[in-house]
């Protein structure tokens, strides 16, 4: 096992979470059953945007591309239509299977209308 693999390896009950940025960068972390995607990323030293850690601000917005996850508490920063389109809040999102999630500030920008564009 290389040093890079050791950083991301945890017990066998962890779910693989592939994090994908729009610039082509990808990282894989492993989330335990009781932790959020943001917590798993932090444990693996992978930086993701976040603000409140309670699902209220939306800074940590990602988009679920594959897999299954649930919000551990209400994702107040997301409108129902955003949730229906696969947007999730990584600070309160807990994986229940292996997942692929689009991440980064550009994902959050999808949800915010900018009148200056």
N, C-alpha and C. Protein backbone atom coordinates (compact mmCIF):
# COMPACT_ATOMS: atom_id res chain seq x y z
N UNK A 1 0.85 -1.17 0.00
CA UNK A 1 0.00 0.00 0.00
C UNK A 1 0.90 1.24 0.00
N UNK A 2 0.61 2.18 -0.88
CA UNK A 2 1.40 3.41 -0.93
C UNK A 2 0.93 4.39 0.13
N UNK A 3 1.71 5.44 0.38
CA UNK A 3 1.32 6.44 1.36
C UNK A 3 0.00 7.11 0.98
N UNK A 4 -0.24 7.36 -0.31
CA UNK A 4 -1.47 7.98 -0.76
C UNK A 4 -2.69 7.12 -0.46
N UNK A 5 -2.54 5.80 -0.58
CA UNK A 5 -3.65 4.90 -0.27
C UNK A 5 -3.94 4.90 1.22
N UNK A 6 -2.92 4.98 2.04
CA UNK A 6 -3.11 4.93 3.48
C UNK A 6 -3.94 6.12 3.96
N UNK A 7 -3.82 7.26 3.32
CA UNK A 7 -4.56 8.44 3.72
C UNK A 7 -6.06 8.23 3.59
N UNK A 8 -6.49 7.46 2.60
CA UNK A 8 -7.91 7.32 2.33
C UNK A 8 -8.51 6.03 2.87
N UNK A 9 -7.73 5.15 3.43
CA UNK A 9 -8.24 3.84 3.85
C UNK A 9 -8.73 3.92 5.30
N UNK A 10 -9.94 3.44 5.52
CA UNK A 10 -10.48 3.27 6.87
C UNK A 10 -11.09 1.88 6.95
N UNK A 11 -11.90 1.63 7.96
CA UNK A 11 -12.44 0.29 8.16
C UNK A 11 -13.34 -0.13 6.99
N UNK A 12 -13.64 -1.43 6.92
CA UNK A 12 -14.38 -2.00 5.82
C UNK A 12 -15.81 -1.51 5.70
N UNK A 13 -16.37 -0.86 6.71
CA UNK A 13 -17.75 -0.37 6.65
C UNK A 13 -17.86 1.00 6.01
N UNK A 14 -16.78 1.55 5.54
CA UNK A 14 -16.81 2.89 4.95
C UNK A 14 -17.28 2.83 3.50
N UNK A 15 -17.93 3.90 3.08
CA UNK A 15 -18.41 4.03 1.70
C UNK A 15 -17.42 4.86 0.90
N UNK A 16 -17.15 4.41 -0.31
CA UNK A 16 -16.28 5.15 -1.21
C UNK A 16 -17.07 6.35 -1.75
N UNK A 17 -16.44 7.54 -1.68
CA UNK A 17 -17.06 8.75 -2.22
C UNK A 17 -16.06 9.38 -3.18
N UNK A 18 -16.42 9.38 -4.46
CA UNK A 18 -15.59 10.02 -5.48
C UNK A 18 -16.04 11.47 -5.61
N UNK A 19 -15.11 12.38 -5.38
CA UNK A 19 -15.37 13.82 -5.48
C UNK A 19 -14.82 14.30 -6.81
N UNK A 20 -15.66 15.00 -7.58
CA UNK A 20 -15.31 15.40 -8.93
C UNK A 20 -15.49 16.91 -9.07
N UNK A 21 -14.43 17.59 -9.49
CA UNK A 21 -14.49 19.02 -9.78
C UNK A 21 -14.67 19.23 -11.28
N UNK A 22 -15.23 20.35 -11.68
CA UNK A 22 -15.48 20.62 -13.09
C UNK A 22 -14.21 20.82 -13.89
N UNK A 23 -13.10 21.11 -13.23
CA UNK A 23 -11.84 21.28 -13.96
C UNK A 23 -11.16 19.94 -14.25
N UNK A 24 -11.82 18.83 -13.87
CA UNK A 24 -11.28 17.50 -14.14
C UNK A 24 -10.60 16.84 -12.97
N UNK A 25 -10.34 17.57 -11.90
CA UNK A 25 -9.72 16.99 -10.71
C UNK A 25 -10.68 15.99 -10.06
N UNK A 26 -10.13 14.91 -9.54
CA UNK A 26 -10.92 13.93 -8.80
C UNK A 26 -10.15 13.47 -7.57
N UNK A 27 -10.87 13.24 -6.50
CA UNK A 27 -10.32 12.68 -5.27
C UNK A 27 -11.29 11.63 -4.77
N UNK A 28 -10.79 10.63 -4.09
CA UNK A 28 -11.64 9.62 -3.48
C UNK A 28 -11.40 9.62 -1.99
N UNK A 29 -12.50 9.64 -1.22
CA UNK A 29 -12.43 9.54 0.23
C UNK A 29 -13.35 8.40 0.65
N UNK A 30 -13.23 7.99 1.90
CA UNK A 30 -14.10 6.95 2.44
C UNK A 30 -14.84 7.51 3.64
N UNK A 31 -16.16 7.45 3.56
CA UNK A 31 -17.01 7.99 4.63
C UNK A 31 -17.56 6.86 5.48
N UNK A 32 -17.38 6.98 6.77
CA UNK A 32 -17.97 6.02 7.71
C UNK A 32 -19.48 6.24 7.76
N UNK A 33 -20.20 5.27 8.27
CA UNK A 33 -21.65 5.38 8.34
C UNK A 33 -22.14 6.59 9.11
N UNK A 34 -21.38 7.02 10.09
CA UNK A 34 -21.83 8.11 10.95
C UNK A 34 -21.20 9.46 10.62
N UNK A 35 -20.62 9.61 9.43
CA UNK A 35 -20.01 10.90 9.11
C UNK A 35 -20.50 11.44 7.77
N UNK A 36 -20.40 12.74 7.65
CA UNK A 36 -20.84 13.41 6.43
C UNK A 36 -19.72 13.37 5.39
N UNK A 37 -20.09 13.71 4.17
CA UNK A 37 -19.09 13.79 3.10
C UNK A 37 -18.03 14.83 3.46
N UNK A 38 -18.44 15.96 4.01
CA UNK A 38 -17.48 17.00 4.39
C UNK A 38 -16.52 16.48 5.47
N UNK A 39 -17.02 15.78 6.47
CA UNK A 39 -16.16 15.23 7.52
C UNK A 39 -15.17 14.23 6.95
N UNK A 40 -15.64 13.37 6.05
CA UNK A 40 -14.75 12.38 5.43
C UNK A 40 -13.66 13.07 4.61
N UNK A 41 -14.03 14.11 3.88
CA UNK A 41 -13.05 14.86 3.09
C UNK A 41 -12.02 15.52 4.00
N UNK A 42 -12.46 16.12 5.07
CA UNK A 42 -11.53 16.76 6.00
C UNK A 42 -10.58 15.75 6.62
N UNK A 43 -11.10 14.59 6.99
CA UNK A 43 -10.25 13.55 7.56
C UNK A 43 -9.17 13.11 6.58
N UNK A 44 -9.49 13.17 5.28
CA UNK A 44 -8.53 12.77 4.24
C UNK A 44 -7.72 13.96 3.71
N UNK A 45 -7.82 15.10 4.36
CA UNK A 45 -7.09 16.32 3.95
C UNK A 45 -7.46 16.77 2.53
N UNK A 46 -8.74 16.62 2.19
CA UNK A 46 -9.25 17.11 0.91
C UNK A 46 -10.11 18.34 1.21
N UNK A 47 -9.73 19.48 0.64
CA UNK A 47 -10.43 20.73 0.91
C UNK A 47 -11.70 20.89 0.09
N UNK A 48 -12.81 21.15 0.77
CA UNK A 48 -14.08 21.46 0.13
C UNK A 48 -14.61 22.76 0.72
N UNK A 49 -15.35 23.54 -0.06
CA UNK A 49 -15.91 24.77 0.50
C UNK A 49 -17.00 24.45 1.52
N UNK A 50 -17.07 25.24 2.59
CA UNK A 50 -18.13 25.09 3.58
C UNK A 50 -18.24 26.38 4.37
N UNK A 51 -19.34 26.52 5.08
CA UNK A 51 -19.55 27.70 5.91
C UNK A 51 -20.09 27.31 7.27
N UNK A 52 -21.39 27.02 7.34
CA UNK A 52 -22.07 26.88 8.62
C UNK A 52 -21.98 25.49 9.27
N UNK A 53 -21.83 24.43 8.50
CA UNK A 53 -21.83 23.04 8.96
C UNK A 53 -23.19 22.57 9.47
N UNK A 54 -24.25 23.32 9.21
CA UNK A 54 -25.58 22.95 9.70
C UNK A 54 -26.62 22.85 8.58
N UNK A 55 -26.24 23.02 7.33
CA UNK A 55 -27.18 22.95 6.23
C UNK A 55 -27.95 24.22 5.97
N UNK A 56 -27.48 25.33 6.54
CA UNK A 56 -28.23 26.59 6.42
C UNK A 56 -27.69 27.54 5.35
N UNK A 57 -26.41 27.47 5.02
CA UNK A 57 -25.84 28.52 4.16
C UNK A 57 -25.70 28.12 2.69
N UNK A 58 -25.51 26.84 2.40
CA UNK A 58 -25.39 26.37 1.02
C UNK A 58 -24.00 26.44 0.43
N UNK A 59 -23.02 26.91 1.16
CA UNK A 59 -21.66 27.03 0.64
C UNK A 59 -21.10 25.67 0.21
N UNK A 60 -21.49 24.62 0.89
CA UNK A 60 -20.95 23.28 0.62
C UNK A 60 -21.74 22.49 -0.42
N UNK A 61 -22.57 23.14 -1.18
CA UNK A 61 -23.44 22.44 -2.13
C UNK A 61 -22.63 21.57 -3.09
N UNK A 62 -23.09 20.35 -3.27
CA UNK A 62 -22.56 19.42 -4.26
C UNK A 62 -23.73 18.88 -5.07
N UNK A 63 -23.43 18.08 -6.07
CA UNK A 63 -24.49 17.45 -6.87
C UNK A 63 -24.22 15.96 -6.96
N UNK A 64 -25.16 15.17 -6.47
CA UNK A 64 -25.02 13.73 -6.47
C UNK A 64 -25.15 13.21 -7.90
N UNK A 65 -24.09 12.57 -8.38
CA UNK A 65 -24.07 12.01 -9.74
C UNK A 65 -24.44 10.54 -9.74
N UNK A 66 -24.11 9.84 -8.67
CA UNK A 66 -24.42 8.41 -8.55
C UNK A 66 -24.35 8.02 -7.09
N UNK A 67 -25.14 7.02 -6.71
CA UNK A 67 -25.10 6.53 -5.34
C UNK A 67 -26.29 7.00 -4.53
N UNK A 68 -26.19 6.76 -3.22
CA UNK A 68 -27.29 7.04 -2.31
C UNK A 68 -26.75 7.74 -1.08
N UNK A 69 -27.34 8.89 -0.77
CA UNK A 69 -27.02 9.57 0.49
C UNK A 69 -28.25 10.28 0.98
N UNK A 70 -28.28 10.54 2.29
CA UNK A 70 -29.38 11.27 2.91
C UNK A 70 -28.81 12.41 3.73
N UNK A 71 -29.63 13.43 3.93
CA UNK A 71 -29.23 14.54 4.79
C UNK A 71 -29.54 14.15 6.24
N UNK A 72 -28.55 14.28 7.11
CA UNK A 72 -28.70 13.93 8.52
C UNK A 72 -29.59 14.94 9.25
N UNK A 73 -29.71 16.12 8.70
CA UNK A 73 -30.62 17.14 9.23
C UNK A 73 -31.18 17.90 8.04
N UNK A 74 -32.23 18.66 8.20
CA UNK A 74 -32.85 19.33 7.05
C UNK A 74 -31.86 20.24 6.30
N UNK A 75 -31.79 20.08 4.98
CA UNK A 75 -30.91 20.94 4.17
C UNK A 75 -31.62 22.26 3.85
N UNK A 76 -31.70 23.14 4.83
CA UNK A 76 -32.49 24.37 4.72
C UNK A 76 -32.05 25.26 3.57
N UNK A 77 -30.80 25.19 3.17
CA UNK A 77 -30.30 26.08 2.11
C UNK A 77 -30.72 25.63 0.71
N UNK A 78 -31.32 24.45 0.59
CA UNK A 78 -31.73 23.95 -0.73
C UNK A 78 -33.24 24.05 -0.90
N UNK A 79 -33.65 24.52 -2.04
CA UNK A 79 -35.07 24.50 -2.39
C UNK A 79 -35.41 23.09 -2.85
N UNK A 80 -36.68 22.75 -2.78
CA UNK A 80 -37.12 21.41 -3.16
C UNK A 80 -36.73 21.08 -4.60
N UNK A 81 -36.81 22.05 -5.50
CA UNK A 81 -36.45 21.79 -6.91
C UNK A 81 -34.96 21.48 -7.05
N UNK A 82 -34.13 22.09 -6.21
CA UNK A 82 -32.69 21.79 -6.24
C UNK A 82 -32.44 20.37 -5.75
N UNK A 83 -33.13 19.97 -4.69
CA UNK A 83 -32.98 18.61 -4.19
C UNK A 83 -33.43 17.60 -5.24
N UNK A 84 -34.51 17.91 -5.94
CA UNK A 84 -35.01 17.03 -7.00
C UNK A 84 -34.01 16.90 -8.15
N UNK A 85 -33.19 17.94 -8.34
CA UNK A 85 -32.16 17.92 -9.40
C UNK A 85 -30.85 17.29 -8.94
N UNK A 86 -30.82 16.76 -7.70
CA UNK A 86 -29.65 16.04 -7.21
C UNK A 86 -28.68 16.86 -6.38
N UNK A 87 -29.00 18.12 -6.09
CA UNK A 87 -28.10 18.93 -5.27
C UNK A 87 -28.19 18.49 -3.81
N UNK A 88 -27.06 18.49 -3.14
CA UNK A 88 -26.96 18.05 -1.74
C UNK A 88 -26.06 19.01 -0.98
N UNK A 89 -26.21 19.01 0.33
CA UNK A 89 -25.34 19.82 1.19
C UNK A 89 -24.36 18.88 1.87
N UNK A 90 -23.10 18.99 1.51
CA UNK A 90 -22.09 18.05 1.95
C UNK A 90 -21.82 18.09 3.45
N UNK A 91 -22.17 19.19 4.10
CA UNK A 91 -21.93 19.29 5.55
C UNK A 91 -22.92 18.47 6.35
N UNK A 92 -24.06 18.08 5.75
CA UNK A 92 -25.05 17.27 6.45
C UNK A 92 -25.43 16.01 5.67
N UNK A 93 -24.74 15.73 4.55
CA UNK A 93 -25.04 14.58 3.71
C UNK A 93 -24.21 13.37 4.13
N UNK A 94 -24.90 12.28 4.47
CA UNK A 94 -24.24 11.04 4.87
C UNK A 94 -24.48 9.96 3.81
N UNK A 95 -23.42 9.40 3.23
CA UNK A 95 -23.57 8.35 2.22
C UNK A 95 -24.10 7.06 2.81
N UNK A 96 -24.92 6.36 2.01
CA UNK A 96 -25.42 5.03 2.38
C UNK A 96 -24.96 3.98 1.37
N UNK A 97 -24.13 4.40 0.43
CA UNK A 97 -23.54 3.52 -0.57
C UNK A 97 -22.33 4.25 -1.13
N UNK A 98 -21.62 3.61 -2.02
CA UNK A 98 -20.57 4.33 -2.75
C UNK A 98 -21.25 5.42 -3.57
N UNK A 99 -20.61 6.58 -3.66
CA UNK A 99 -21.21 7.73 -4.32
C UNK A 99 -20.21 8.44 -5.23
N UNK A 100 -20.74 9.17 -6.17
CA UNK A 100 -19.95 10.08 -7.01
C UNK A 100 -20.64 11.43 -6.89
N UNK A 101 -19.87 12.46 -6.48
CA UNK A 101 -20.45 13.76 -6.18
C UNK A 101 -19.63 14.86 -6.87
N UNK A 102 -20.33 15.72 -7.60
CA UNK A 102 -19.69 16.89 -8.19
C UNK A 102 -19.56 17.94 -7.10
N UNK A 103 -18.37 18.52 -6.94
CA UNK A 103 -18.09 19.45 -5.85
C UNK A 103 -17.40 20.71 -6.37
N UNK A 104 -17.25 21.69 -5.48
CA UNK A 104 -16.54 22.92 -5.80
C UNK A 104 -17.49 24.11 -5.83
N UNK A 105 -16.91 25.28 -5.84
CA UNK A 105 -17.70 26.51 -5.79
C UNK A 105 -18.60 26.69 -7.00
N UNK A 106 -18.23 26.14 -8.14
CA UNK A 106 -19.06 26.27 -9.34
C UNK A 106 -20.41 25.59 -9.16
N UNK A 107 -20.47 24.53 -8.37
CA UNK A 107 -21.74 23.82 -8.16
C UNK A 107 -22.69 24.72 -7.38
N UNK A 108 -22.21 25.35 -6.34
CA UNK A 108 -23.04 26.28 -5.56
C UNK A 108 -23.51 27.44 -6.45
N UNK A 109 -22.66 27.90 -7.33
CA UNK A 109 -23.00 29.01 -8.22
C UNK A 109 -24.17 28.65 -9.14
N UNK A 110 -24.38 27.36 -9.45
CA UNK A 110 -25.52 26.94 -10.26
C UNK A 110 -26.84 27.36 -9.64
N UNK A 111 -26.89 27.44 -8.32
CA UNK A 111 -28.14 27.69 -7.62
C UNK A 111 -28.42 29.17 -7.37
N UNK A 112 -27.44 30.00 -7.62
CA UNK A 112 -27.57 31.42 -7.30
C UNK A 112 -27.65 32.22 -8.60
N UNK A 113 -28.74 32.96 -8.76
CA UNK A 113 -28.87 33.83 -9.93
C UNK A 113 -27.97 35.04 -9.76
N UNK A 114 -27.19 35.32 -10.78
CA UNK A 114 -26.31 36.49 -10.77
C UNK A 114 -26.82 37.48 -11.81
N UNK A 115 -27.39 38.58 -11.37
CA UNK A 115 -27.95 39.55 -12.32
C UNK A 115 -26.89 40.27 -13.13
N UNK A 116 -25.61 40.12 -12.77
CA UNK A 116 -24.53 40.83 -13.45
C UNK A 116 -23.91 39.99 -14.58
N UNK A 117 -24.40 38.77 -14.78
CA UNK A 117 -23.87 37.93 -15.86
C UNK A 117 -24.36 38.41 -17.19
